[in-house]
């Protein structure tokens, strides 16, 4: 469930409440194909994705880079999501430590399709199981 997903792992899973529109889950400028059947009441889902399962892409969720923690082969990018859906939400992305984005950069991130978890925003239960 979403409670467990929120505290297992370090850094923790990124969790976002996002709209379902026309059978797709809206993730910034991209639309993801959900792996669950029926959309929960209210037309929204909680999307969970771990920092290592997000990639910098041409489209997706716009993020402003706030801090870059360089750890050798990897780097953690701590950023704030841009746009109306963001509501001052923060995000953590693990990237290649050899070419991390700079603080202040605006990037787009997109989850790896087979590593997205969907939860009912009311009950917190995982969808599609």
N, C-alpha and C. Protein backbone atom coordinates (compact mmCIF):
# COMPACT_ATOMS: atom_id res chain seq x y z
N UNK A 1 0.83 -1.19 0.00
CA UNK A 1 0.00 0.00 0.00
C UNK A 1 0.87 1.25 0.00
N UNK A 2 0.25 2.41 -0.13
CA UNK A 2 0.98 3.66 -0.25
C UNK A 2 1.74 4.01 1.03
N UNK A 3 1.24 3.59 2.19
CA UNK A 3 1.93 3.86 3.45
C UNK A 3 3.29 3.19 3.47
N UNK A 4 3.33 1.92 3.12
CA UNK A 4 4.59 1.18 3.09
C UNK A 4 5.51 1.73 2.00
N UNK A 5 4.95 2.03 0.84
CA UNK A 5 5.75 2.56 -0.27
C UNK A 5 6.44 3.87 0.10
N UNK A 6 5.82 4.65 0.98
CA UNK A 6 6.36 5.94 1.36
C UNK A 6 7.56 5.89 2.28
N UNK A 7 7.76 4.77 3.00
CA UNK A 7 8.90 4.75 3.91
C UNK A 7 9.92 3.65 3.64
N UNK A 8 9.66 2.73 2.74
CA UNK A 8 10.63 1.70 2.39
C UNK A 8 11.61 2.28 1.38
N UNK A 9 12.88 2.10 1.62
CA UNK A 9 13.91 2.58 0.70
C UNK A 9 14.44 3.94 1.10
N UNK A 10 15.64 4.22 0.66
CA UNK A 10 16.25 5.51 0.93
C UNK A 10 17.03 5.96 -0.29
N UNK A 11 16.69 7.09 -0.88
CA UNK A 11 15.55 7.93 -0.53
C UNK A 11 14.22 7.23 -0.82
N UNK A 12 13.19 7.74 -0.20
CA UNK A 12 11.86 7.13 -0.30
C UNK A 12 11.28 7.28 -1.71
N UNK A 13 10.26 6.48 -1.97
CA UNK A 13 9.54 6.55 -3.24
C UNK A 13 8.90 7.93 -3.40
N UNK A 14 8.95 8.47 -4.60
CA UNK A 14 8.24 9.70 -4.93
C UNK A 14 6.77 9.35 -5.12
N UNK A 15 5.88 10.10 -4.49
CA UNK A 15 4.44 9.86 -4.59
C UNK A 15 3.75 11.13 -5.08
N UNK A 16 2.90 10.98 -6.10
CA UNK A 16 2.18 12.12 -6.68
C UNK A 16 0.73 11.74 -6.88
N UNK A 17 -0.19 12.64 -6.61
CA UNK A 17 -1.58 12.42 -6.97
C UNK A 17 -1.78 13.06 -8.34
N UNK A 18 -2.18 12.26 -9.31
CA UNK A 18 -2.27 12.72 -10.70
C UNK A 18 -3.63 12.35 -11.30
N UNK A 19 -4.07 13.11 -12.32
CA UNK A 19 -5.35 12.81 -12.97
C UNK A 19 -5.23 11.67 -13.98
N UNK A 20 -6.33 10.96 -14.13
CA UNK A 20 -6.46 9.96 -15.19
C UNK A 20 -7.35 10.59 -16.25
N UNK A 21 -6.85 10.65 -17.49
CA UNK A 21 -7.57 11.36 -18.54
C UNK A 21 -7.57 10.53 -19.81
N UNK A 22 -8.74 10.13 -20.26
CA UNK A 22 -8.86 9.38 -21.50
C UNK A 22 -8.13 8.05 -21.47
N UNK A 23 -8.08 7.40 -20.33
CA UNK A 23 -7.41 6.10 -20.21
C UNK A 23 -5.93 6.19 -19.92
N UNK A 24 -5.36 7.40 -19.94
CA UNK A 24 -3.95 7.58 -19.64
C UNK A 24 -3.78 8.35 -18.34
N UNK A 25 -2.63 8.17 -17.72
CA UNK A 25 -2.31 8.89 -16.49
C UNK A 25 -1.43 10.07 -16.87
N UNK A 26 -1.88 11.27 -16.55
CA UNK A 26 -1.14 12.49 -16.93
C UNK A 26 0.06 12.67 -16.00
N UNK A 27 1.25 12.76 -16.61
CA UNK A 27 2.50 12.96 -15.86
C UNK A 27 3.24 14.11 -16.52
N UNK A 28 2.94 15.32 -16.09
CA UNK A 28 3.51 16.50 -16.75
C UNK A 28 2.99 16.59 -18.17
N UNK A 29 3.92 16.66 -19.14
CA UNK A 29 3.53 16.75 -20.55
C UNK A 29 3.35 15.38 -21.21
N UNK A 30 3.54 14.32 -20.45
CA UNK A 30 3.43 12.95 -20.99
C UNK A 30 2.16 12.28 -20.46
N UNK A 31 1.75 11.25 -21.16
CA UNK A 31 0.63 10.42 -20.72
C UNK A 31 1.13 8.99 -20.60
N UNK A 32 0.97 8.41 -19.42
CA UNK A 32 1.43 7.05 -19.17
C UNK A 32 0.28 6.07 -19.32
N UNK A 33 0.58 4.88 -19.78
CA UNK A 33 -0.43 3.83 -19.90
C UNK A 33 -0.51 3.10 -18.56
N UNK A 34 -1.67 3.18 -17.90
CA UNK A 34 -1.79 2.54 -16.59
C UNK A 34 -1.85 1.03 -16.68
N UNK A 35 -1.46 0.38 -15.60
CA UNK A 35 -1.48 -1.08 -15.53
C UNK A 35 -2.64 -1.58 -14.67
N UNK A 36 -3.52 -0.69 -14.28
CA UNK A 36 -4.67 -1.08 -13.46
C UNK A 36 -5.92 -1.05 -14.32
N UNK A 37 -6.99 -1.68 -13.85
CA UNK A 37 -8.23 -1.76 -14.61
C UNK A 37 -9.10 -0.53 -14.45
N UNK A 38 -9.89 -0.49 -13.40
CA UNK A 38 -10.86 0.57 -13.19
C UNK A 38 -10.23 1.75 -12.46
N UNK A 39 -10.51 2.95 -12.97
CA UNK A 39 -10.02 4.17 -12.33
C UNK A 39 -10.80 4.43 -11.04
N UNK A 40 -10.11 4.75 -9.96
CA UNK A 40 -10.81 5.05 -8.71
C UNK A 40 -11.77 6.23 -8.86
N UNK A 41 -12.75 6.30 -7.98
CA UNK A 41 -13.71 7.39 -8.00
C UNK A 41 -12.95 8.72 -7.86
N UNK A 42 -13.36 9.70 -8.61
CA UNK A 42 -12.69 11.00 -8.57
C UNK A 42 -11.73 11.21 -9.72
N UNK A 43 -11.44 10.15 -10.49
CA UNK A 43 -10.60 10.28 -11.67
C UNK A 43 -9.14 10.60 -11.40
N UNK A 44 -8.64 10.24 -10.22
CA UNK A 44 -7.24 10.49 -9.88
C UNK A 44 -6.64 9.23 -9.27
N UNK A 45 -5.33 9.10 -9.38
CA UNK A 45 -4.60 8.01 -8.74
C UNK A 45 -3.36 8.60 -8.07
N UNK A 46 -2.83 7.86 -7.11
CA UNK A 46 -1.52 8.19 -6.55
C UNK A 46 -0.51 7.36 -7.31
N UNK A 47 0.44 8.04 -7.93
CA UNK A 47 1.49 7.39 -8.71
C UNK A 47 2.74 7.35 -7.85
N UNK A 48 3.37 6.18 -7.77
CA UNK A 48 4.61 6.04 -7.01
C UNK A 48 5.74 5.58 -7.92
N UNK A 49 6.89 6.24 -7.79
CA UNK A 49 8.06 5.84 -8.58
C UNK A 49 9.31 6.13 -7.76
N UNK A 50 10.20 5.16 -7.74
CA UNK A 50 11.45 5.30 -6.98
C UNK A 50 12.43 6.21 -7.72
N UNK A 51 13.33 6.89 -7.00
CA UNK A 51 14.27 7.81 -7.64
C UNK A 51 15.08 7.17 -8.77
N UNK A 52 15.45 5.90 -8.62
CA UNK A 52 16.25 5.23 -9.65
C UNK A 52 15.44 4.84 -10.88
N UNK A 53 14.12 4.97 -10.80
CA UNK A 53 13.25 4.60 -11.92
C UNK A 53 12.71 5.80 -12.69
N UNK A 54 13.34 6.96 -12.47
CA UNK A 54 13.02 8.17 -13.24
C UNK A 54 14.19 8.49 -14.15
N UNK A 55 13.90 8.88 -15.38
CA UNK A 55 14.94 9.26 -16.34
C UNK A 55 14.72 10.71 -16.77
N UNK A 56 15.81 11.42 -17.03
CA UNK A 56 15.71 12.74 -17.63
C UNK A 56 15.31 12.54 -19.09
N UNK A 57 14.29 13.28 -19.54
CA UNK A 57 13.73 13.08 -20.88
C UNK A 57 13.36 14.42 -21.52
N UNK A 58 12.94 14.37 -22.79
CA UNK A 58 12.52 15.58 -23.50
C UNK A 58 11.13 16.03 -23.06
N UNK A 59 10.32 15.09 -22.61
CA UNK A 59 8.98 15.41 -22.14
C UNK A 59 8.78 14.77 -20.78
N UNK A 60 7.67 15.06 -20.16
CA UNK A 60 7.39 14.48 -18.85
C UNK A 60 7.10 15.56 -17.84
N UNK A 61 7.50 15.32 -16.62
CA UNK A 61 7.23 16.23 -15.52
C UNK A 61 8.32 17.28 -15.43
N UNK A 62 7.98 18.58 -15.53
CA UNK A 62 9.00 19.61 -15.41
C UNK A 62 9.46 19.77 -13.96
N UNK A 63 10.78 19.84 -13.79
CA UNK A 63 11.39 19.91 -12.46
C UNK A 63 12.49 20.98 -12.48
N UNK A 64 12.53 21.80 -11.45
CA UNK A 64 13.62 22.74 -11.26
C UNK A 64 14.59 22.13 -10.27
N UNK A 65 15.86 22.01 -10.65
CA UNK A 65 16.89 21.38 -9.82
C UNK A 65 17.24 22.33 -8.67
N UNK A 66 17.08 21.85 -7.44
CA UNK A 66 17.39 22.64 -6.24
C UNK A 66 18.76 22.27 -5.67
N UNK A 67 19.04 20.96 -5.58
CA UNK A 67 20.29 20.46 -5.00
C UNK A 67 20.74 19.25 -5.80
N UNK A 68 22.04 19.12 -6.02
CA UNK A 68 22.62 17.93 -6.64
C UNK A 68 23.61 17.33 -5.65
N UNK A 69 23.34 16.10 -5.23
CA UNK A 69 24.22 15.39 -4.29
C UNK A 69 25.04 14.38 -5.10
N UNK A 70 26.30 14.71 -5.35
CA UNK A 70 27.15 13.86 -6.17
C UNK A 70 27.78 12.78 -5.30
N UNK A 71 27.60 11.51 -5.72
CA UNK A 71 28.05 10.36 -4.93
C UNK A 71 28.95 9.43 -5.74
N UNK A 72 29.72 9.96 -6.66
CA UNK A 72 30.57 9.13 -7.50
C UNK A 72 29.84 8.72 -8.76
N UNK A 73 29.57 7.42 -8.89
CA UNK A 73 28.90 6.91 -10.10
C UNK A 73 27.46 7.41 -10.23
N UNK A 74 26.85 7.76 -9.12
CA UNK A 74 25.47 8.25 -9.12
C UNK A 74 25.41 9.64 -8.51
N UNK A 75 24.32 10.32 -8.78
CA UNK A 75 24.03 11.60 -8.13
C UNK A 75 22.53 11.63 -7.86
N UNK A 76 22.16 12.23 -6.75
CA UNK A 76 20.74 12.44 -6.46
C UNK A 76 20.42 13.89 -6.75
N UNK A 77 19.38 14.08 -7.54
CA UNK A 77 18.89 15.41 -7.87
C UNK A 77 17.63 15.64 -7.02
N UNK A 78 17.66 16.68 -6.22
CA UNK A 78 16.51 17.07 -5.41
C UNK A 78 15.93 18.30 -6.08
N UNK A 79 14.67 18.23 -6.45
CA UNK A 79 14.08 19.33 -7.18
C UNK A 79 12.66 19.62 -6.76
N UNK A 80 12.13 20.69 -7.32
CA UNK A 80 10.73 21.03 -7.09
C UNK A 80 10.00 20.92 -8.42
N UNK A 81 8.82 20.34 -8.35
CA UNK A 81 8.02 20.15 -9.56
C UNK A 81 7.40 21.47 -9.96
N UNK A 82 7.34 21.72 -11.26
CA UNK A 82 6.75 22.94 -11.79
C UNK A 82 5.33 22.66 -12.27
N UNK A 83 4.51 23.67 -12.32
CA UNK A 83 3.18 23.53 -12.89
C UNK A 83 2.09 23.48 -11.84
N UNK A 84 0.85 23.61 -12.31
CA UNK A 84 -0.31 23.68 -11.42
C UNK A 84 -0.50 22.41 -10.61
N UNK A 85 -0.21 21.24 -11.20
CA UNK A 85 -0.39 19.98 -10.49
C UNK A 85 0.64 19.78 -9.39
N UNK A 86 1.74 20.52 -9.45
CA UNK A 86 2.86 20.30 -8.54
C UNK A 86 2.55 20.72 -7.11
N UNK A 87 1.94 21.88 -6.93
CA UNK A 87 1.61 22.39 -5.61
C UNK A 87 2.81 22.34 -4.66
N UNK A 88 3.93 22.88 -5.10
CA UNK A 88 5.15 22.94 -4.28
C UNK A 88 5.64 21.57 -3.83
N UNK A 89 5.50 20.57 -4.66
CA UNK A 89 5.91 19.21 -4.34
C UNK A 89 7.37 19.00 -4.72
N UNK A 90 8.08 18.28 -3.87
CA UNK A 90 9.49 17.98 -4.17
C UNK A 90 9.61 16.60 -4.79
N UNK A 91 10.75 16.36 -5.43
CA UNK A 91 11.00 15.10 -6.12
C UNK A 91 12.48 14.78 -6.02
N UNK A 92 12.80 13.49 -5.98
CA UNK A 92 14.19 13.02 -5.96
C UNK A 92 14.40 12.11 -7.15
N UNK A 93 15.49 12.34 -7.90
CA UNK A 93 15.81 11.56 -9.09
C UNK A 93 17.26 11.10 -8.99
N UNK A 94 17.51 9.80 -9.20
CA UNK A 94 18.90 9.32 -9.26
C UNK A 94 19.36 9.38 -10.71
N UNK A 95 20.51 10.03 -10.93
CA UNK A 95 21.03 10.20 -12.29
C UNK A 95 22.48 9.73 -12.35
N UNK A 96 23.01 9.67 -13.57
CA UNK A 96 24.42 9.34 -13.79
C UNK A 96 25.29 10.42 -13.15
N UNK A 97 26.17 10.01 -12.26
CA UNK A 97 27.02 10.95 -11.54
C UNK A 97 28.05 11.65 -12.41
N UNK A 98 28.28 11.14 -13.62
CA UNK A 98 29.26 11.77 -14.51
C UNK A 98 28.71 13.00 -15.21
N UNK A 99 27.39 13.08 -15.37
CA UNK A 99 26.78 14.20 -16.08
C UNK A 99 25.49 14.69 -15.39
N UNK A 100 25.59 15.08 -14.12
CA UNK A 100 24.37 15.53 -13.44
C UNK A 100 23.97 16.93 -13.92
N UNK A 101 22.69 17.26 -13.86
CA UNK A 101 22.27 18.61 -14.20
C UNK A 101 22.77 19.60 -13.14
N UNK A 102 22.85 20.86 -13.51
CA UNK A 102 23.32 21.88 -12.58
C UNK A 102 22.16 22.43 -11.76
N UNK A 103 22.48 22.93 -10.57
CA UNK A 103 21.49 23.59 -9.72
C UNK A 103 20.87 24.73 -10.51
N UNK A 104 19.54 24.83 -10.44
CA UNK A 104 18.82 25.87 -11.15
C UNK A 104 18.33 25.45 -12.53
N UNK A 105 18.86 24.33 -13.04
CA UNK A 105 18.43 23.85 -14.36
C UNK A 105 16.98 23.40 -14.32
N UNK A 106 16.31 23.50 -15.45
CA UNK A 106 14.95 22.98 -15.59
C UNK A 106 15.03 21.73 -16.46
N UNK A 107 14.62 20.61 -15.89
CA UNK A 107 14.67 19.33 -16.59
C UNK A 107 13.26 18.75 -16.65
N UNK A 108 13.09 17.71 -17.45
CA UNK A 108 11.85 16.93 -17.47
C UNK A 108 12.23 15.50 -17.09
N UNK A 109 11.38 14.87 -16.29
CA UNK A 109 11.63 13.48 -15.91
C UNK A 109 10.44 12.63 -16.29
N UNK A 110 10.73 11.38 -16.61
CA UNK A 110 9.73 10.42 -17.03
C UNK A 110 10.05 9.09 -16.37
N UNK A 111 9.05 8.41 -15.79
CA UNK A 111 9.32 7.12 -15.16
C UNK A 111 9.48 6.01 -16.19
N UNK A 112 10.29 5.01 -15.84
CA UNK A 112 10.38 3.80 -16.65
C UNK A 112 9.02 3.11 -16.55
N UNK A 113 8.43 2.81 -17.69
CA UNK A 113 7.04 2.34 -17.76
C UNK A 113 6.74 1.14 -16.87
N UNK A 114 7.65 0.20 -16.80
CA UNK A 114 7.38 -1.02 -16.03
C UNK A 114 7.77 -0.90 -14.55
N UNK A 115 8.10 0.32 -14.11
CA UNK A 115 8.48 0.54 -12.71
C UNK A 115 7.60 1.57 -12.02
N UNK A 116 6.38 1.75 -12.52
CA UNK A 116 5.44 2.70 -11.93
C UNK A 116 4.44 1.92 -11.07
N UNK A 117 4.15 2.45 -9.90
CA UNK A 117 3.18 1.84 -8.99
C UNK A 117 1.99 2.78 -8.88
N UNK A 118 0.78 2.23 -8.92
CA UNK A 118 -0.44 3.03 -8.83
C UNK A 118 -1.21 2.64 -7.58
N UNK A 119 -1.74 3.66 -6.89
CA UNK A 119 -2.48 3.45 -5.65
C UNK A 119 -3.79 4.24 -5.70
N UNK A 120 -4.80 3.71 -5.01
CA UNK A 120 -6.06 4.43 -4.86
C UNK A 120 -5.81 5.57 -3.87
N UNK A 121 -6.07 6.83 -4.25
CA UNK A 121 -5.77 7.94 -3.35
C UNK A 121 -6.64 7.99 -2.09
N UNK A 122 -7.78 7.30 -2.10
CA UNK A 122 -8.65 7.29 -0.94
C UNK A 122 -8.28 6.18 0.04
N UNK A 123 -8.11 4.97 -0.48
CA UNK A 123 -7.82 3.82 0.40
C UNK A 123 -6.33 3.60 0.63
N UNK A 124 -5.50 4.07 -0.31
CA UNK A 124 -4.06 3.84 -0.23
C UNK A 124 -3.64 2.48 -0.74
N UNK A 125 -4.59 1.66 -1.17
CA UNK A 125 -4.26 0.32 -1.64
C UNK A 125 -3.71 0.37 -3.06
N UNK A 126 -2.81 -0.56 -3.35
CA UNK A 126 -2.21 -0.64 -4.68
C UNK A 126 -3.25 -1.09 -5.69
N UNK A 127 -3.23 -0.49 -6.87
CA UNK A 127 -4.14 -0.86 -7.95
C UNK A 127 -3.46 -1.83 -8.89
N UNK A 128 -4.24 -2.73 -9.46
CA UNK A 128 -3.71 -3.65 -10.46
C UNK A 128 -3.16 -4.94 -9.90
N UNK A 129 -3.31 -5.17 -8.63
CA UNK A 129 -2.83 -6.43 -8.04
C UNK A 129 -3.91 -7.47 -8.03
